[in-house]
Structures are given as C-alpha cells and as structure tokens.
Amino acid sequence: MRHLPFGVALSAVFAALVMACAAPADAPAEEPRTPLSAAPVRSPSLSPGSSVSPSNAVEVPRRANRPPEFRREVRTATYRITGATPTAIQQQIQSKGPGHWAGLTSYAITYGFTARQIGPRCYAKDIFVKVTSDLELPAWDRPTAASASTAAYWHAIETDLRRHEKGHVAIAERTGRDVMHALTHLAGVEDCNDLDPIVDARAHRQIQLGKRAQKGYDNRTNHGRG
C-alpha cells in the first residue's frame, strides 16, 4: 500500500506590463510591453498570484509580424532517500519531502505582447506565453541491505509520483496555451494604453480556470495517493 501524497503549487506570475505613449493614429507604430517575472511560490496547495518587481524587466524583442509564441521549460530537483525498507522510505519522504509531501510541482505563467497601432486602432501583437514548471521529487540511493521487494516498492512509488506530477505539468501548459489563444483573438482598441487591463483580464481568467483544473485533478486522484 502506498499513502504518499503529492502536491502542486501555482505561482501565478501575472506579467506586469510597462505603459508607453501611443503613436499618432495615422502612423503604424509598435510599443513593446515589458514582461516581468517573480520567483515561484512553493506550496503544497494552490496559492494566489505573486507580486512582481519592475526591476526585473526584460524588453520584448521587436520583430515585424511575429506569430504567437509558446515557450515551456520543465526543471527537476531531487532530494535523496536512502531507506532500506518500505517503512524507512516512507519515513524519510515524510521528513525530507517538500512540505512533507512526496513530490511537488510548482509553475509560473508569464506573458507579454507588443502594442501596435494600425490605422485608427491598436492591437496586441508579438504575443508570447511561457510556462515554467519546477518539479521536486525523491531519488533513492539503494543501500546494499535493500531487498528486491523494497526495490519493487520504490519503483511503484516513483512511477506513480512522476505520472501524477507530469499531470500537473500538462495542465499548467494547457493553461498557458489557453492564455495565448485568448490574447491572440483580442479585438483592436482605439488607445494603446487601454490594452494592458484588457490583456490582463483575459489572461487572468484563463489562469484562474487553470487553477480550478489543478484542484480538480488533485481531487480526482486524491493527490496521487495509491
């Protein structure tokens, strides 16, 4: 029997966008919005969006007619387990695991765009969304005293754990693609300065739906308990 809960944390890093002055309506122009990011919040439960600091700004590259871009990054960190029996393995996971969870997935969603004046209206162009997922998982250093049955026990735990956490990553990346889709289909506005709150509202709605999906996944799987 395995009773090792897994967890997910959402670092809902909403892109803070720096405003710029709109160009004259009769001249095509671009205004790069500046995405900011913050360190992921690591918690075994869903958490509200973290704040961002303007000092972390990175300029959006200015390219003509760039299609929407989706970026993904998955990073994995491990903590070491050396138990020689199933009981010892469980005890070490409970004491060493992130927040006493067997495994944890945290993720951050960032987005950005360029405000482009085309005739009398301003459009969100050069849209990009990035999803960064961080997994923390146990790694077993098998001691010489460990039996074959203990090795089989560990293999079952590791397989279940990785499968569950990959499910969280898949939901995070689907949420990121939903954000990109929502921003890609925005209508133009008269003033480029009006784009920021519209973009944020559309993106945040998809991120909230993603949080619900993560919670539903954990409820259906009982946080990965087998």
C-alpha atoms as a PDB file:
ATOM      1  CA  MET A   1       0.000   0.000   0.000  1.00  0.00           C
ATOM      2  CA  ARG A   2       1.184   3.499  -0.764  1.00  0.00           C
ATOM      3  CA  HIS A   3      -0.038   6.504   1.151  1.00  0.00           C
ATOM      4  CA  LEU A   4       2.291   9.214  -0.079  1.00  0.00           C
ATOM      5  CA  PRO A   5       0.522  12.448  -1.071  1.00  0.00           C
ATOM      6  CA  PHE A   6       1.801  14.525  -3.942  1.00  0.00           C
ATOM      7  CA  GLY A   7       1.225  18.234  -4.346  1.00  0.00           C
ATOM      8  CA  VAL A   8       1.065  21.167  -6.702  1.00  0.00           C
ATOM      9  CA  ALA A   9       1.652  24.855  -6.215  1.00  0.00           C
ATOM     10  CA  LEU A  10       0.703  27.621  -8.594  1.00  0.00           C
ATOM     11  CA  SER A  11       2.954  30.603  -8.838  1.00  0.00           C
ATOM     12  CA  ALA A  12       0.546  32.654 -10.901  1.00  0.00           C
ATOM     13  CA  VAL A  13       3.117  35.156 -12.109  1.00  0.00           C
ATOM     14  CA  PHE A  14       0.984  37.629 -13.981  1.00  0.00           C
ATOM     15  CA  ALA A  15       3.008  39.708 -16.428  1.00  0.00           C
ATOM     16  CA  ALA A  16       3.211  43.329 -15.298  1.00  0.00           C
ATOM     17  CA  LEU A  17       3.279  45.470 -18.405  1.00  0.00           C
ATOM     18  CA  VAL A  18       5.011  48.843 -18.616  1.00  0.00           C
ATOM     19  CA  MET A  19       2.918  51.510 -20.329  1.00  0.00           C
ATOM     20  CA  ALA A  20       4.238  53.653 -23.167  1.00  0.00           C
ATOM     21  CA  CYS A  21       2.788  56.556 -25.100  1.00  0.00           C
ATOM     22  CA  ALA A  22       0.669  55.733 -28.149  1.00  0.00           C
ATOM     23  CA  ALA A  23       1.878  56.770 -31.581  1.00  0.00           C
ATOM     24  CA  PRO A  24      -0.244  59.023 -33.799  1.00  0.00           C
ATOM     25  CA  ALA A  25      -3.212  57.179 -35.269  1.00  0.00           C
ATOM     26  CA  ASP A  26      -2.109  57.758 -38.847  1.00  0.00           C
ATOM     27  CA  ALA A  27       1.349  56.208 -38.404  1.00  0.00           C
ATOM     28  CA  PRO A  28       1.901  52.450 -37.834  1.00  0.00           C
ATOM     29  CA  ALA A  29       3.941  52.013 -34.693  1.00  0.00           C
ATOM     30  CA  GLU A  30       4.937  49.427 -32.116  1.00  0.00           C
ATOM     31  CA  GLU A  31       5.058  49.738 -28.337  1.00  0.00           C
ATOM     32  CA  PRO A  32       6.849  46.856 -26.659  1.00  0.00           C
ATOM     33  CA  ARG A  33       5.236  45.841 -23.367  1.00  0.00           C
ATOM     34  CA  THR A  34       7.701  44.614 -20.768  1.00  0.00           C
ATOM     35  CA  PRO A  35       7.110  41.240 -19.085  1.00  0.00           C
ATOM     36  CA  LEU A  36       8.218  40.785 -15.503  1.00  0.00           C
ATOM     37  CA  SER A  37       8.552  37.606 -13.538  1.00  0.00           C
ATOM     38  CA  ALA A  38       8.947  36.635  -9.924  1.00  0.00           C
ATOM     39  CA  ALA A  39      10.248  33.594  -8.090  1.00  0.00           C
ATOM     40  CA  PRO A  40       7.741  30.721  -7.929  1.00  0.00           C
ATOM     41  CA  VAL A  41       5.745  30.273  -4.758  1.00  0.00           C
ATOM     42  CA  ARG A  42       6.357  26.749  -3.492  1.00  0.00           C
ATOM     43  CA  SER A  43       3.492  25.297  -1.518  1.00  0.00           C
ATOM     44  CA  PRO A  44       1.590  22.008  -1.494  1.00  0.00           C
ATOM     45  CA  SER A  45      -1.641  23.894  -2.081  1.00  0.00           C
ATOM     46  CA  LEU A  46      -2.765  26.431  -4.650  1.00  0.00           C
ATOM     47  CA  SER A  47      -1.689  29.944  -3.783  1.00  0.00           C
ATOM     48  CA  PRO A  48      -2.713  33.377  -5.065  1.00  0.00           C
ATOM     49  CA  GLY A  49      -0.659  35.223  -7.620  1.00  0.00           C
ATOM     50  CA  SER A  50       2.686  36.569  -6.502  1.00  0.00           C
ATOM     51  CA  SER A  51       3.727  40.170  -6.947  1.00  0.00           C
ATOM     52  CA  VAL A  52       6.384  41.306  -9.393  1.00  0.00           C
ATOM     53  CA  SER A  53       9.069  43.938  -9.320  1.00  0.00           C
ATOM     54  CA  PRO A  54       9.755  46.421 -12.153  1.00  0.00           C
ATOM     55  CA  SER A  55      13.475  45.998 -11.545  1.00  0.00           C
ATOM     56  CA  ASN A  56      13.290  42.591 -13.247  1.00  0.00           C
ATOM     57  CA  ALA A  57      12.093  43.989 -16.584  1.00  0.00           C
ATOM     58  CA  VAL A  58      13.343  42.461 -19.828  1.00  0.00           C
ATOM     59  CA  GLU A  59      12.464  44.147 -23.119  1.00  0.00           C
ATOM     60  CA  VAL A  60      10.268  42.259 -25.559  1.00  0.00           C
ATOM     61  CA  PRO A  61      12.169  41.752 -28.852  1.00  0.00           C
ATOM     62  CA  ARG A  62      10.756  43.969 -31.625  1.00  0.00           C
ATOM     63  CA  ARG A  63      10.063  41.848 -34.711  1.00  0.00           C
ATOM     64  CA  ALA A  64       7.616  42.515 -37.510  1.00  0.00           C
ATOM     65  CA  ASN A  65       4.694  40.098 -37.869  1.00  0.00           C
ATOM     66  CA  ARG A  66       5.998  37.593 -35.340  1.00  0.00           C
ATOM     67  CA  PRO A  67       3.447  34.797 -34.795  1.00  0.00           C
ATOM     68  CA  PRO A  68       2.261  33.991 -31.266  1.00  0.00           C
ATOM     69  CA  GLU A  69       4.942  32.047 -29.439  1.00  0.00           C
ATOM     70  CA  PHE A  70       4.518  29.453 -26.698  1.00  0.00           C
ATOM     71  CA  ARG A  71       7.519  28.584 -24.571  1.00  0.00           C
ATOM     72  CA  ARG A  72       7.848  25.815 -22.000  1.00  0.00           C
ATOM     73  CA  GLU A  73      10.509  24.857 -19.512  1.00  0.00           C
ATOM     74  CA  VAL A  74      10.488  21.940 -17.071  1.00  0.00           C
ATOM     75  CA  ARG A  75      13.076  21.763 -14.317  1.00  0.00           C
ATOM     76  CA  THR A  76      13.509  18.917 -11.842  1.00  0.00           C
ATOM     77  CA  ALA A  77      15.184  18.925  -8.444  1.00  0.00           C
ATOM     78  CA  THR A  78      15.563  15.893  -6.193  1.00  0.00           C
ATOM     79  CA  TYR A  79      16.015  15.086  -2.538  1.00  0.00           C
ATOM     80  CA  ARG A  80      17.851  11.931  -1.503  1.00  0.00           C
ATOM     81  CA  ILE A  81      16.253   8.853   0.070  1.00  0.00           C
ATOM     82  CA  THR A  82      18.364   6.006   1.477  1.00  0.00           C
ATOM     83  CA  GLY A  83      15.873   3.812   3.331  1.00  0.00           C
ATOM     84  CA  ALA A  84      16.451   0.043   3.169  1.00  0.00           C
ATOM     85  CA  THR A  85      12.809  -0.897   3.833  1.00  0.00           C
ATOM     86  CA  PRO A  86       9.434   0.427   2.688  1.00  0.00           C
ATOM     87  CA  THR A  87       8.811   1.824   6.169  1.00  0.00           C
ATOM     88  CA  ALA A  88      12.150   3.633   6.202  1.00  0.00           C
ATOM     89  CA  ILE A  89      11.494   5.036   2.727  1.00  0.00           C
ATOM     90  CA  GLN A  90       8.096   6.387   3.787  1.00  0.00           C
ATOM     91  CA  GLN A  91       9.536   7.937   6.939  1.00  0.00           C
ATOM     92  CA  GLN A  92      12.321   9.670   5.012  1.00  0.00           C
ATOM     93  CA  ILE A  93       9.917  11.003   2.395  1.00  0.00           C
ATOM     94  CA  GLN A  94       7.655  12.409   5.104  1.00  0.00           C
ATOM     95  CA  SER A  95      10.592  14.102   6.830  1.00  0.00           C
ATOM     96  CA  LYS A  96      12.542  15.275   3.756  1.00  0.00           C
ATOM     97  CA  GLY A  97       9.824  15.889   1.187  1.00  0.00           C
ATOM     98  CA  PRO A  98       8.728  19.427   0.265  1.00  0.00           C
ATOM     99  CA  GLY A  99       6.258  20.420   2.968  1.00  0.00           C
ATOM    100  CA  HIS A 100       6.080  16.748   3.998  1.00  0.00           C
ATOM    101  CA  TRP A 101       4.707  15.877   0.567  1.00  0.00           C
ATOM    102  CA  ALA A 102       6.281  13.130  -1.507  1.00  0.00           C
ATOM    103  CA  GLY A 103       6.566  15.402  -4.546  1.00  0.00           C
ATOM    104  CA  LEU A 104       5.666  18.898  -5.598  1.00  0.00           C
ATOM    105  CA  THR A 105       5.080  20.706  -8.873  1.00  0.00           C
ATOM    106  CA  SER A 106       5.132  24.493  -8.903  1.00  0.00           C
ATOM    107  CA  TYR A 107       4.695  26.529 -12.059  1.00  0.00           C
ATOM    108  CA  ALA A 108       4.771  30.076 -13.290  1.00  0.00           C
ATOM    109  CA  ILE A 109       2.948  31.540 -16.281  1.00  0.00           C
ATOM    110  CA  THR A 110       4.288  34.742 -17.828  1.00  0.00           C
ATOM    111  CA  TYR A 111       3.104  36.555 -20.936  1.00  0.00           C
ATOM    112  CA  GLY A 112       3.868  39.611 -22.983  1.00  0.00           C
ATOM    113  CA  PHE A 113       2.921  41.433 -26.172  1.00  0.00           C
ATOM    114  CA  THR A 114       3.682  44.424 -28.369  1.00  0.00           C
ATOM    115  CA  ALA A 115       1.036  47.130 -28.741  1.00  0.00           C
ATOM    116  CA  ARG A 116       0.888  48.031 -32.426  1.00  0.00           C
ATOM    117  CA  GLN A 117      -1.051  50.986 -33.817  1.00  0.00           C
ATOM    118  CA  ILE A 118      -2.512  50.102 -37.213  1.00  0.00           C
ATOM    119  CA  GLY A 119      -4.576  52.929 -38.656  1.00  0.00           C
ATOM    120  CA  PRO A 120      -7.119  54.108 -36.067  1.00  0.00           C
ATOM    121  CA  ARG A 121      -6.851  51.060 -33.793  1.00  0.00           C
ATOM    122  CA  CYS A 122      -4.256  49.441 -31.560  1.00  0.00           C
ATOM    123  CA  TYR A 123      -3.687  45.660 -31.487  1.00  0.00           C
ATOM    124  CA  ALA A 124      -1.818  43.185 -29.273  1.00  0.00           C
ATOM    125  CA  LYS A 125       0.842  41.606 -31.465  1.00  0.00           C
ATOM    126  CA  ASP A 126       4.034  39.565 -30.975  1.00  0.00           C
ATOM    127  CA  ILE A 127       2.283  37.672 -28.192  1.00  0.00           C
ATOM    128  CA  PHE A 128       4.276  35.172 -26.197  1.00  0.00           C
ATOM    129  CA  VAL A 129       3.448  32.969 -23.234  1.00  0.00           C
ATOM    130  CA  LYS A 130       5.912  30.961 -21.182  1.00  0.00           C
ATOM    131  CA  VAL A 131       5.145  28.208 -18.691  1.00  0.00           C
ATOM    132  CA  THR A 132       7.954  27.250 -16.314  1.00  0.00           C
ATOM    133  CA  SER A 133       7.336  24.112 -14.267  1.00  0.00           C
ATOM    134  CA  ASP A 134       9.507  23.053 -11.342  1.00  0.00           C
ATOM    135  CA  LEU A 135       9.264  19.506 -10.022  1.00  0.00           C
ATOM    136  CA  GLU A 136      10.694  18.323  -6.734  1.00  0.00           C
ATOM    137  CA  LEU A 137      10.927  14.549  -6.485  1.00  0.00           C
ATOM    138  CA  PRO A 138      12.646  11.953  -4.307  1.00  0.00           C
ATOM    139  CA  ALA A 139      15.633   9.980  -5.595  1.00  0.00           C
ATOM    140  CA  TRP A 140      16.530   6.670  -3.963  1.00  0.00           C
ATOM    141  CA  ASP A 141      20.132   5.706  -3.306  1.00  0.00           C
ATOM    142  CA  ARG A 142      19.594   1.988  -2.900  1.00  0.00           C
ATOM    143  CA  PRO A 143      21.510   0.614   0.074  1.00  0.00           C
ATOM    144  CA  THR A 144      23.094  -2.818  -0.173  1.00  0.00           C
ATOM    145  CA  ALA A 145      20.735  -4.122   2.512  1.00  0.00           C
ATOM    146  CA  ALA A 146      17.619  -3.291   0.471  1.00  0.00           C
ATOM    147  CA  SER A 147      15.731  -6.354  -0.747  1.00  0.00           C
ATOM    148  CA  ALA A 148      14.260  -6.921  -4.189  1.00  0.00           C
ATOM    149  CA  SER A 149      10.773  -6.376  -2.760  1.00  0.00           C
ATOM    150  CA  THR A 150      11.853  -2.993  -1.411  1.00  0.00           C
ATOM    151  CA  ALA A 151      13.228  -2.087  -4.832  1.00  0.00           C
ATOM    152  CA  ALA A 152       9.897  -3.056  -6.405  1.00  0.00           C
ATOM    153  CA  TYR A 153       8.090  -0.955  -3.803  1.00  0.00           C
ATOM    154  CA  TRP A 154      10.267   2.042  -4.654  1.00  0.00           C
ATOM    155  CA  HIS A 155       9.772   1.585  -8.385  1.00  0.00           C
ATOM    156  CA  ALA A 156       5.990   1.615  -7.929  1.00  0.00           C
ATOM    157  CA  ILE A 157       6.134   4.783  -5.806  1.00  0.00           C
ATOM    158  CA  GLU A 158       8.438   6.587  -8.230  1.00  0.00           C
ATOM    159  CA  THR A 159       6.318   5.621 -11.248  1.00  0.00           C
ATOM    160  CA  ASP A 160       3.101   6.833  -9.604  1.00  0.00           C
ATOM    161  CA  LEU A 161       4.729  10.027  -8.389  1.00  0.00           C
ATOM    162  CA  ARG A 162       6.213  11.003 -11.747  1.00  0.00           C
ATOM    163  CA  ARG A 163       2.960  10.225 -13.530  1.00  0.00           C
ATOM    164  CA  HIS A 164       0.991  12.401 -11.122  1.00  0.00           C
ATOM    165  CA  GLU A 165       3.346  15.363 -11.270  1.00  0.00           C
ATOM    166  CA  LYS A 166       3.516  15.183 -15.070  1.00  0.00           C
ATOM    167  CA  GLY A 167      -0.259  15.530 -14.992  1.00  0.00           C
ATOM    168  CA  HIS A 168       0.146  18.843 -13.166  1.00  0.00           C
ATOM    169  CA  VAL A 169       2.710  19.990 -15.752  1.00  0.00           C
ATOM    170  CA  ALA A 170       0.334  19.093 -18.578  1.00  0.00           C
ATOM    171  CA  ILE A 171      -2.472  21.151 -17.006  1.00  0.00           C
ATOM    172  CA  ALA A 172      -0.114  24.106 -16.493  1.00  0.00           C
ATOM    173  CA  GLU A 173       0.994  24.017 -20.124  1.00  0.00           C
ATOM    174  CA  ARG A 174      -2.572  23.684 -21.360  1.00  0.00           C
ATOM    175  CA  THR A 175      -3.430  26.754 -19.290  1.00  0.00           C
ATOM    176  CA  GLY A 176      -0.549  28.642 -20.886  1.00  0.00           C
ATOM    177  CA  ARG A 177      -1.819  27.755 -24.355  1.00  0.00           C
ATOM    178  CA  ASP A 178      -5.299  28.897 -23.352  1.00  0.00           C
ATOM    179  CA  VAL A 179      -3.810  32.244 -22.302  1.00  0.00           C
ATOM    180  CA  MET A 180      -2.070  32.556 -25.662  1.00  0.00           C
ATOM    181  CA  HIS A 181      -5.267  31.700 -27.533  1.00  0.00           C
ATOM    182  CA  ALA A 182      -7.255  34.277 -25.534  1.00  0.00           C
ATOM    183  CA  LEU A 183      -4.724  37.038 -26.213  1.00  0.00           C
ATOM    184  CA  THR A 184      -4.350  36.167 -29.885  1.00  0.00           C
ATOM    185  CA  HIS A 185      -8.057  36.773 -30.532  1.00  0.00           C
ATOM    186  CA  LEU A 186      -8.328  40.185 -28.886  1.00  0.00           C
ATOM    187  CA  ALA A 187     -10.059  42.895 -30.898  1.00  0.00           C
ATOM    188  CA  GLY A 188      -8.306  46.199 -31.527  1.00  0.00           C
ATOM    189  CA  VAL A 189      -8.865  49.243 -29.299  1.00  0.00           C
ATOM    190  CA  GLU A 190      -8.654  52.975 -30.001  1.00  0.00           C
ATOM    191  CA  ASP A 191      -5.960  53.737 -27.426  1.00  0.00           C
ATOM    192  CA  CYS A 192      -2.913  51.505 -26.883  1.00  0.00           C
ATOM    193  CA  ASN A 193      -2.977  52.406 -23.195  1.00  0.00           C
ATOM    194  CA  ASP A 194      -6.272  50.528 -22.914  1.00  0.00           C
ATOM    195  CA  LEU A 195      -4.708  47.228 -23.957  1.00  0.00           C
ATOM    196  CA  ASP A 196      -2.978  46.434 -20.656  1.00  0.00           C
ATOM    197  CA  PRO A 197      -6.084  45.945 -18.487  1.00  0.00           C
ATOM    198  CA  ILE A 198      -7.846  44.053 -21.274  1.00  0.00           C
ATOM    199  CA  VAL A 199      -4.909  41.700 -21.780  1.00  0.00           C
ATOM    200  CA  ASP A 200      -4.537  41.171 -18.040  1.00  0.00           C
ATOM    201  CA  ALA A 201      -8.223  40.401 -17.590  1.00  0.00           C
ATOM    202  CA  ARG A 202      -8.229  37.845 -20.397  1.00  0.00           C
ATOM    203  CA  ALA A 203      -5.038  36.180 -19.204  1.00  0.00           C
ATOM    204  CA  HIS A 204      -6.036  36.121 -15.544  1.00  0.00           C
ATOM    205  CA  ARG A 205      -9.349  34.487 -16.394  1.00  0.00           C
ATOM    206  CA  GLN A 206      -7.576  31.590 -18.082  1.00  0.00           C
ATOM    207  CA  ILE A 207      -5.110  31.309 -15.210  1.00  0.00           C
ATOM    208  CA  GLN A 208      -7.986  31.087 -12.731  1.00  0.00           C
ATOM    209  CA  LEU A 209      -9.581  28.349 -14.827  1.00  0.00           C
ATOM    210  CA  GLY A 210      -6.234  26.573 -14.797  1.00  0.00           C
ATOM    211  CA  LYS A 211      -6.138  26.735 -11.003  1.00  0.00           C
ATOM    212  CA  ARG A 212      -9.554  25.092 -10.881  1.00  0.00           C
ATOM    213  CA  ALA A 213      -8.346  22.372 -13.219  1.00  0.00           C
ATOM    214  CA  GLN A 214      -5.345  21.709 -10.977  1.00  0.00           C
ATOM    215  CA  LYS A 215      -7.562  21.447  -7.919  1.00  0.00           C
ATOM    216  CA  GLY A 216      -9.978  19.155  -9.731  1.00  0.00           C
ATOM    217  CA  TYR A 217      -7.103  16.918 -10.818  1.00  0.00           C
ATOM    218  CA  ASP A 218      -5.895  16.546  -7.241  1.00  0.00           C
ATOM    219  CA  ASN A 219      -9.427  15.873  -6.027  1.00  0.00           C
ATOM    220  CA  ARG A 220      -9.958  13.157  -8.652  1.00  0.00           C
ATOM    221  CA  THR A 221      -6.626  11.500  -7.921  1.00  0.00           C
ATOM    222  CA  ASN A 222      -6.659  12.145  -4.158  1.00  0.00           C
ATOM    223  CA  HIS A 223      -3.349  13.957  -4.590  1.00  0.00           C
ATOM    224  CA  GLY A 224      -1.869  10.897  -6.235  1.00  0.00           C
ATOM    225  CA  ARG A 225      -2.400   8.523  -3.349  1.00  0.00           C
ATOM    226  CA  GLY A 226      -2.437   4.894  -4.447  1.00  0.00           C
END
